[in-house]
Amino acid sequence: MRLPILFFCAAALGGCSVDMGGFAFQSETKGGVTTTTTTSGSAGISTREPVLTPEGECSVGLSLDPSTRPLPKEIAPGITECELVKLKGKPPTDVLIGQSGKGQREVQVLYAEPGGRELYLFTDNRLGRIVKPGGEG
């Protein structure tokens, strides 16, 4: 019964992160002297979709979002950064990540293709515009 509640809570928190942290204490006695050491660890789960890193790789994450989409059939406005890389079948030539004046994540993904350079412009992990050779986009 607890597992469905966990998934419901994760879905309700859409776009949030869940972090769990803990501490471990260990005592050791040597020569009549007791010392105590403390270690800590943490684990996290994000309900956000993975995004590209500056190296052109998808960030690692486990999405608990029930609206997780199947891979689109074509490159079109609205796809995510990682969906683009999967559809292209190869890592991008360059990735520039920044922030707009409105606090939105803006990403430019460049692919150097035989016919010229293709630039994909993303805002908040959604493709908004494609610039291809010959002024298309």
N, C-alpha and C. Protein backbone atom coordinates (compact mmCIF):
# COMPACT_ATOMS: atom_id res chain seq x y z
N MET A 1 0.83 -1.19 0.00
CA MET A 1 0.00 0.00 0.00
C MET A 1 0.87 1.26 0.00
N ARG A 2 2.07 1.18 0.56
CA ARG A 2 2.93 2.37 0.64
C ARG A 2 3.50 2.77 -0.71
N LEU A 3 3.79 1.79 -1.57
CA LEU A 3 4.40 2.10 -2.86
C LEU A 3 3.50 2.98 -3.73
N PRO A 4 2.19 2.69 -3.89
CA PRO A 4 1.34 3.59 -4.68
C PRO A 4 1.28 5.01 -4.10
N ILE A 5 1.33 5.10 -2.79
CA ILE A 5 1.31 6.43 -2.16
C ILE A 5 2.58 7.19 -2.50
N LEU A 6 3.73 6.48 -2.51
CA LEU A 6 5.00 7.10 -2.85
C LEU A 6 4.96 7.64 -4.28
N PHE A 7 4.44 6.84 -5.23
CA PHE A 7 4.37 7.30 -6.61
C PHE A 7 3.39 8.46 -6.75
N PHE A 8 2.29 8.43 -6.03
CA PHE A 8 1.33 9.53 -6.07
C PHE A 8 1.99 10.82 -5.57
N CYS A 9 2.70 10.73 -4.47
CA CYS A 9 3.38 11.92 -3.92
C CYS A 9 4.43 12.43 -4.89
N ALA A 10 5.19 11.51 -5.51
CA ALA A 10 6.23 11.92 -6.46
C ALA A 10 5.59 12.63 -7.65
N ALA A 11 4.47 12.12 -8.14
CA ALA A 11 3.80 12.75 -9.28
C ALA A 11 3.24 14.12 -8.89
N ALA A 12 2.73 14.22 -7.68
CA ALA A 12 2.16 15.48 -7.21
C ALA A 12 3.24 16.55 -7.05
N LEU A 13 4.47 16.13 -6.80
CA LEU A 13 5.57 17.06 -6.63
C LEU A 13 6.24 17.40 -7.96
N GLY A 14 5.64 17.03 -9.09
CA GLY A 14 6.22 17.20 -10.41
C GLY A 14 7.21 18.33 -10.51
N GLY A 15 8.43 18.04 -10.97
CA GLY A 15 9.45 19.05 -11.12
C GLY A 15 10.25 19.30 -9.86
N CYS A 16 9.98 18.58 -8.80
CA CYS A 16 10.72 18.75 -7.55
C CYS A 16 11.71 17.62 -7.38
N SER A 17 12.56 17.75 -6.41
CA SER A 17 13.53 16.72 -6.10
C SER A 17 13.26 16.18 -4.71
N VAL A 18 13.61 14.92 -4.54
CA VAL A 18 13.49 14.28 -3.24
C VAL A 18 14.88 13.85 -2.84
N ASP A 19 15.38 14.33 -1.74
CA ASP A 19 16.70 13.96 -1.24
C ASP A 19 16.56 13.25 0.08
N MET A 20 17.34 12.19 0.24
CA MET A 20 17.37 11.47 1.51
C MET A 20 18.81 11.47 1.99
N GLY A 21 19.01 11.86 3.21
CA GLY A 21 20.35 11.87 3.76
C GLY A 21 20.39 11.14 5.07
N GLY A 22 21.57 10.71 5.46
CA GLY A 22 21.69 9.99 6.71
C GLY A 22 23.11 10.06 7.24
N PHE A 23 23.26 9.71 8.49
CA PHE A 23 24.56 9.71 9.14
C PHE A 23 24.81 8.34 9.74
N ALA A 24 26.07 7.96 9.82
CA ALA A 24 26.45 6.71 10.47
C ALA A 24 27.56 7.03 11.46
N PHE A 25 27.44 6.49 12.65
CA PHE A 25 28.43 6.70 13.70
C PHE A 25 29.13 5.38 13.95
N GLN A 26 30.46 5.43 14.11
CA GLN A 26 31.24 4.23 14.37
C GLN A 26 32.23 4.51 15.49
N SER A 27 32.19 3.67 16.51
CA SER A 27 33.12 3.81 17.63
C SER A 27 34.18 2.72 17.55
N GLU A 28 35.39 3.10 17.89
CA GLU A 28 36.50 2.15 17.85
C GLU A 28 37.37 2.40 19.07
N THR A 29 37.75 1.32 19.74
CA THR A 29 38.59 1.43 20.92
C THR A 29 39.95 0.81 20.63
N LYS A 30 41.01 1.60 20.83
CA LYS A 30 42.39 1.14 20.64
C LYS A 30 43.22 1.63 21.82
N GLY A 31 43.86 0.71 22.49
CA GLY A 31 44.73 1.08 23.61
C GLY A 31 44.00 1.84 24.70
N GLY A 32 42.74 1.51 24.94
CA GLY A 32 41.97 2.16 25.99
C GLY A 32 41.38 3.50 25.60
N VAL A 33 41.62 3.95 24.36
CA VAL A 33 41.08 5.22 23.89
C VAL A 33 39.97 4.93 22.87
N THR A 34 38.81 5.54 23.10
CA THR A 34 37.68 5.34 22.19
C THR A 34 37.55 6.56 21.28
N THR A 35 37.50 6.28 19.99
CA THR A 35 37.29 7.34 19.01
C THR A 35 35.99 7.06 18.26
N THR A 36 35.29 8.12 17.93
CA THR A 36 34.04 8.01 17.19
C THR A 36 34.18 8.76 15.88
N THR A 37 33.83 8.09 14.80
CA THR A 37 33.86 8.74 13.49
C THR A 37 32.44 8.83 12.95
N THR A 38 32.22 9.85 12.17
CA THR A 38 30.90 10.08 11.57
C THR A 38 31.05 10.11 10.05
N THR A 39 30.17 9.39 9.38
CA THR A 39 30.13 9.44 7.92
C THR A 39 28.70 9.77 7.51
N SER A 40 28.57 10.35 6.35
CA SER A 40 27.23 10.68 5.87
C SER A 40 27.09 10.24 4.43
N GLY A 41 25.86 10.07 4.02
CA GLY A 41 25.57 9.67 2.65
C GLY A 41 24.24 10.24 2.25
N SER A 42 24.01 10.30 0.96
CA SER A 42 22.72 10.80 0.49
C SER A 42 22.37 10.15 -0.84
N ALA A 43 21.10 10.17 -1.15
CA ALA A 43 20.58 9.67 -2.42
C ALA A 43 19.50 10.63 -2.86
N GLY A 44 19.31 10.74 -4.15
CA GLY A 44 18.30 11.67 -4.64
C GLY A 44 17.56 11.12 -5.84
N ILE A 45 16.34 11.53 -5.99
CA ILE A 45 15.52 11.18 -7.14
C ILE A 45 14.91 12.47 -7.65
N SER A 46 15.02 12.69 -8.93
CA SER A 46 14.44 13.88 -9.52
C SER A 46 13.23 13.49 -10.35
N THR A 47 12.21 14.30 -10.30
CA THR A 47 11.03 14.05 -11.14
C THR A 47 11.09 14.90 -12.40
N ARG A 48 12.20 15.55 -12.64
CA ARG A 48 12.39 16.34 -13.86
C ARG A 48 12.95 15.45 -14.96
N GLU A 49 12.71 15.86 -16.19
CA GLU A 49 13.26 15.13 -17.32
C GLU A 49 14.76 15.40 -17.41
N PRO A 50 15.53 14.41 -17.89
CA PRO A 50 16.97 14.64 -18.06
C PRO A 50 17.22 15.77 -19.06
N VAL A 51 18.33 16.47 -18.87
CA VAL A 51 18.73 17.56 -19.77
C VAL A 51 20.16 17.31 -20.21
N LEU A 52 20.61 18.05 -21.22
CA LEU A 52 21.98 17.90 -21.69
C LEU A 52 22.97 18.59 -20.77
N THR A 53 24.14 17.98 -20.66
CA THR A 53 25.26 18.58 -19.94
C THR A 53 26.09 19.37 -20.96
N PRO A 54 27.02 20.20 -20.53
CA PRO A 54 27.87 20.94 -21.48
C PRO A 54 28.68 20.01 -22.39
N GLU A 55 28.87 18.75 -21.96
CA GLU A 55 29.62 17.78 -22.76
C GLU A 55 28.74 17.10 -23.81
N GLY A 56 27.42 17.41 -23.83
CA GLY A 56 26.52 16.84 -24.81
C GLY A 56 25.92 15.51 -24.41
N GLU A 57 26.03 15.15 -23.14
CA GLU A 57 25.46 13.91 -22.64
C GLU A 57 24.20 14.22 -21.83
N CYS A 58 23.28 13.26 -21.78
CA CYS A 58 22.07 13.46 -20.99
C CYS A 58 22.39 13.28 -19.52
N SER A 59 21.85 14.17 -18.70
CA SER A 59 22.05 14.05 -17.26
C SER A 59 21.36 12.78 -16.79
N VAL A 60 21.93 12.17 -15.78
CA VAL A 60 21.37 10.93 -15.26
C VAL A 60 20.26 11.28 -14.29
N GLY A 61 19.14 10.64 -14.43
CA GLY A 61 18.02 10.88 -13.55
C GLY A 61 16.97 9.81 -13.73
N LEU A 62 16.21 9.60 -12.71
CA LEU A 62 15.10 8.66 -12.78
C LEU A 62 13.84 9.47 -12.69
N SER A 63 13.04 9.42 -13.73
CA SER A 63 11.82 10.19 -13.73
C SER A 63 10.68 9.37 -13.17
N LEU A 64 10.01 9.89 -12.16
CA LEU A 64 8.83 9.24 -11.61
C LEU A 64 7.56 9.86 -12.16
N ASP A 65 7.72 10.73 -13.14
CA ASP A 65 6.59 11.42 -13.74
C ASP A 65 5.79 10.44 -14.59
N PRO A 66 4.50 10.22 -14.28
CA PRO A 66 3.72 9.26 -15.05
C PRO A 66 3.46 9.70 -16.48
N SER A 67 3.72 10.95 -16.80
CA SER A 67 3.49 11.43 -18.16
C SER A 67 4.73 11.27 -19.03
N THR A 68 5.68 10.42 -18.61
CA THR A 68 6.88 10.21 -19.40
C THR A 68 6.48 9.79 -20.81
N ARG A 69 7.04 10.49 -21.77
CA ARG A 69 6.62 10.32 -23.15
C ARG A 69 7.47 9.29 -23.87
N PRO A 70 6.88 8.60 -24.87
CA PRO A 70 7.69 7.74 -25.73
C PRO A 70 8.53 8.63 -26.64
N LEU A 71 9.58 8.08 -27.22
CA LEU A 71 10.45 8.85 -28.11
C LEU A 71 9.67 9.32 -29.33
N PRO A 72 9.71 10.62 -29.62
CA PRO A 72 9.01 11.13 -30.80
C PRO A 72 9.56 10.49 -32.08
N LYS A 73 8.79 10.56 -33.15
CA LYS A 73 9.20 9.96 -34.42
C LYS A 73 10.09 10.87 -35.23
N GLU A 74 10.03 12.19 -34.96
CA GLU A 74 10.83 13.14 -35.73
C GLU A 74 11.24 14.32 -34.87
N ILE A 75 12.24 15.04 -35.39
CA ILE A 75 12.70 16.24 -34.72
C ILE A 75 11.72 17.35 -35.05
N ALA A 76 11.06 17.87 -34.02
CA ALA A 76 10.05 18.90 -34.20
C ALA A 76 9.98 19.75 -32.94
N PRO A 77 9.46 20.98 -33.04
CA PRO A 77 9.32 21.81 -31.84
C PRO A 77 8.57 21.07 -30.74
N GLY A 78 9.07 21.25 -29.50
CA GLY A 78 8.44 20.62 -28.34
C GLY A 78 9.20 19.42 -27.80
N ILE A 79 10.14 18.85 -28.59
CA ILE A 79 10.90 17.71 -28.07
C ILE A 79 11.91 18.20 -27.04
N THR A 80 12.43 17.29 -26.23
CA THR A 80 13.42 17.65 -25.21
C THR A 80 14.83 17.58 -25.78
N GLU A 81 15.78 18.11 -25.03
CA GLU A 81 17.18 18.10 -25.43
C GLU A 81 17.69 16.67 -25.64
N CYS A 82 17.37 15.78 -24.71
CA CYS A 82 17.85 14.40 -24.80
C CYS A 82 17.14 13.64 -25.91
N GLU A 83 15.89 13.98 -26.18
CA GLU A 83 15.19 13.34 -27.30
C GLU A 83 15.87 13.71 -28.62
N LEU A 84 16.36 14.94 -28.75
CA LEU A 84 17.08 15.35 -29.95
C LEU A 84 18.31 14.47 -30.16
N VAL A 85 19.10 14.30 -29.10
CA VAL A 85 20.32 13.50 -29.21
C VAL A 85 19.99 12.05 -29.57
N LYS A 86 18.94 11.50 -28.98
CA LYS A 86 18.54 10.13 -29.31
C LYS A 86 18.10 10.02 -30.76
N LEU A 87 17.34 11.00 -31.24
CA LEU A 87 16.87 10.97 -32.62
C LEU A 87 18.02 11.16 -33.62
N LYS A 88 18.99 12.00 -33.27
CA LYS A 88 20.15 12.23 -34.15
C LYS A 88 21.07 11.00 -34.16
N GLY A 89 21.09 10.25 -33.06
CA GLY A 89 21.92 9.04 -33.01
C GLY A 89 23.39 9.29 -32.78
N LYS A 90 23.75 10.50 -32.41
CA LYS A 90 25.16 10.82 -32.13
C LYS A 90 25.21 12.06 -31.25
N PRO A 91 26.32 12.23 -30.53
CA PRO A 91 26.43 13.41 -29.67
C PRO A 91 26.57 14.68 -30.50
N PRO A 92 26.13 15.80 -29.94
CA PRO A 92 26.25 17.08 -30.67
C PRO A 92 27.69 17.54 -30.78
N THR A 93 27.92 18.43 -31.73
CA THR A 93 29.24 19.03 -31.91
C THR A 93 29.56 19.97 -30.76
N ASP A 94 28.55 20.73 -30.31
CA ASP A 94 28.75 21.69 -29.23
C ASP A 94 27.42 21.96 -28.53
N VAL A 95 27.50 22.26 -27.23
CA VAL A 95 26.32 22.59 -26.43
C VAL A 95 26.65 23.83 -25.61
N LEU A 96 25.81 24.85 -25.73
CA LEU A 96 25.95 26.06 -24.92
C LEU A 96 24.73 26.17 -24.01
N ILE A 97 24.97 26.30 -22.71
CA ILE A 97 23.89 26.36 -21.73
C ILE A 97 23.95 27.70 -21.02
N GLY A 98 22.80 28.36 -20.93
CA GLY A 98 22.73 29.65 -20.27
C GLY A 98 21.37 29.85 -19.63
N GLN A 99 21.15 31.08 -19.23
CA GLN A 99 19.89 31.43 -18.57
C GLN A 99 19.39 32.74 -19.16
N SER A 100 18.08 32.79 -19.43
CA SER A 100 17.50 34.01 -19.98
C SER A 100 17.32 35.04 -18.87
N GLY A 101 16.95 36.24 -19.25
CA GLY A 101 16.68 37.28 -18.27
C GLY A 101 15.46 36.96 -17.41
N LYS A 102 14.65 36.01 -17.87
CA LYS A 102 13.46 35.60 -17.12
C LYS A 102 13.73 34.38 -16.24
N GLY A 103 15.00 33.96 -16.17
CA GLY A 103 15.35 32.82 -15.33
C GLY A 103 15.10 31.47 -15.97
N GLN A 104 14.88 31.43 -17.28
CA GLN A 104 14.64 30.19 -17.98
C GLN A 104 15.96 29.59 -18.46
N ARG A 105 16.03 28.27 -18.48
CA ARG A 105 17.20 27.56 -19.00
C ARG A 105 17.15 27.67 -20.53
N GLU A 106 18.23 28.16 -21.12
CA GLU A 106 18.33 28.25 -22.57
C GLU A 106 19.53 27.45 -23.03
N VAL A 107 19.30 26.60 -24.03
CA VAL A 107 20.36 25.72 -24.52
C VAL A 107 20.41 25.81 -26.04
N GLN A 108 21.64 25.93 -26.56
CA GLN A 108 21.88 25.89 -27.99
C GLN A 108 22.66 24.62 -28.29
N VAL A 109 22.12 23.78 -29.16
CA VAL A 109 22.76 22.52 -29.51
C VAL A 109 23.17 22.60 -30.98
N LEU A 110 24.47 22.43 -31.24
CA LEU A 110 25.01 22.54 -32.59
C LEU A 110 25.39 21.16 -33.11
N TYR A 111 24.98 20.86 -34.34
CA TYR A 111 25.42 19.67 -35.05
C TYR A 111 26.07 20.13 -36.35
N ALA A 112 27.33 19.74 -36.57
CA ALA A 112 28.01 20.01 -37.82
C ALA A 112 27.72 18.84 -38.75
N GLU A 113 26.85 19.07 -39.74
CA GLU A 113 26.43 18.04 -40.68
C GLU A 113 27.13 18.26 -42.02
N PRO A 114 27.17 17.24 -42.87
CA PRO A 114 27.82 17.40 -44.19
C PRO A 114 27.26 18.57 -45.00
N GLY A 115 25.97 18.85 -44.89
CA GLY A 115 25.36 19.94 -45.64
C GLY A 115 25.50 21.30 -44.97
N GLY A 116 26.07 21.36 -43.80
CA GLY A 116 26.22 22.60 -43.05
C GLY A 116 25.86 22.40 -41.59
N ARG A 117 25.91 23.48 -40.86
CA ARG A 117 25.62 23.42 -39.41
C ARG A 117 24.13 23.54 -39.14
N GLU A 118 23.67 22.76 -38.17
CA GLU A 118 22.29 22.84 -37.72
C GLU A 118 22.30 23.27 -36.26
N LEU A 119 21.51 24.27 -35.93
CA LEU A 119 21.45 24.80 -34.58
C LEU A 119 20.04 24.60 -34.04
N TYR A 120 19.96 23.99 -32.86
CA TYR A 120 18.68 23.71 -32.21
C TYR A 120 18.60 24.56 -30.94
N LEU A 121 17.57 25.38 -30.82
CA LEU A 121 17.42 26.31 -29.71
C LEU A 121 16.32 25.83 -28.76
N PHE A 122 16.69 25.61 -27.50
CA PHE A 122 15.78 25.09 -26.48
C PHE A 122 15.55 26.13 -25.39
N THR A 123 14.34 26.19 -24.87
CA THR A 123 14.01 26.99 -23.70
C THR A 123 13.29 26.06 -22.72
N ASP A 124 13.83 25.98 -21.50
CA ASP A 124 13.28 25.10 -20.46
C ASP A 124 13.06 23.68 -20.99
N ASN A 125 14.08 23.13 -21.67
CA ASN A 125 14.12 21.75 -22.13
C ASN A 125 13.08 21.44 -23.21
N ARG A 126 12.66 22.43 -23.97
CA ARG A 126 11.74 22.22 -25.09
C ARG A 126 12.28 22.93 -26.32
N LEU A 127 12.34 22.19 -27.43
CA LEU A 127 12.83 22.75 -28.68
C LEU A 127 11.87 23.82 -29.17
N GLY A 128 12.40 25.02 -29.39
CA GLY A 128 11.57 26.13 -29.84
C GLY A 128 11.85 26.51 -31.29
N ARG A 129 13.11 26.30 -31.73
CA ARG A 129 13.47 26.78 -33.06
C ARG A 129 14.64 25.97 -33.60
N ILE A 130 14.62 25.76 -34.91
CA ILE A 130 15.70 25.06 -35.61
C ILE A 130 16.27 26.00 -36.67
N VAL A 131 17.59 26.17 -36.70
CA VAL A 131 18.24 26.99 -37.71
C VAL A 131 19.14 26.06 -38.52
N LYS A 132 18.80 25.92 -39.83
CA LYS A 132 19.57 25.05 -40.73
C LYS A 132 20.18 25.87 -41.84
N PRO A 133 21.12 25.26 -42.59
CA PRO A 133 21.73 25.99 -43.72
C PRO A 133 20.66 26.45 -44.69
N GLY A 134 20.85 27.61 -45.26
CA GLY A 134 19.90 28.16 -46.21
C GLY A 134 18.80 28.97 -45.55
N GLY A 135 18.93 29.22 -44.23
CA GLY A 135 17.98 30.09 -43.53
C GLY A 135 16.69 29.41 -43.11
N GLU A 136 16.61 28.09 -43.17
CA GLU A 136 15.40 27.40 -42.72
C GLU A 136 15.27 27.53 -41.22
N GLY A 137 14.05 27.53 -40.73
CA GLY A 137 13.85 27.52 -39.29
C GLY A 137 13.02 28.65 -38.89
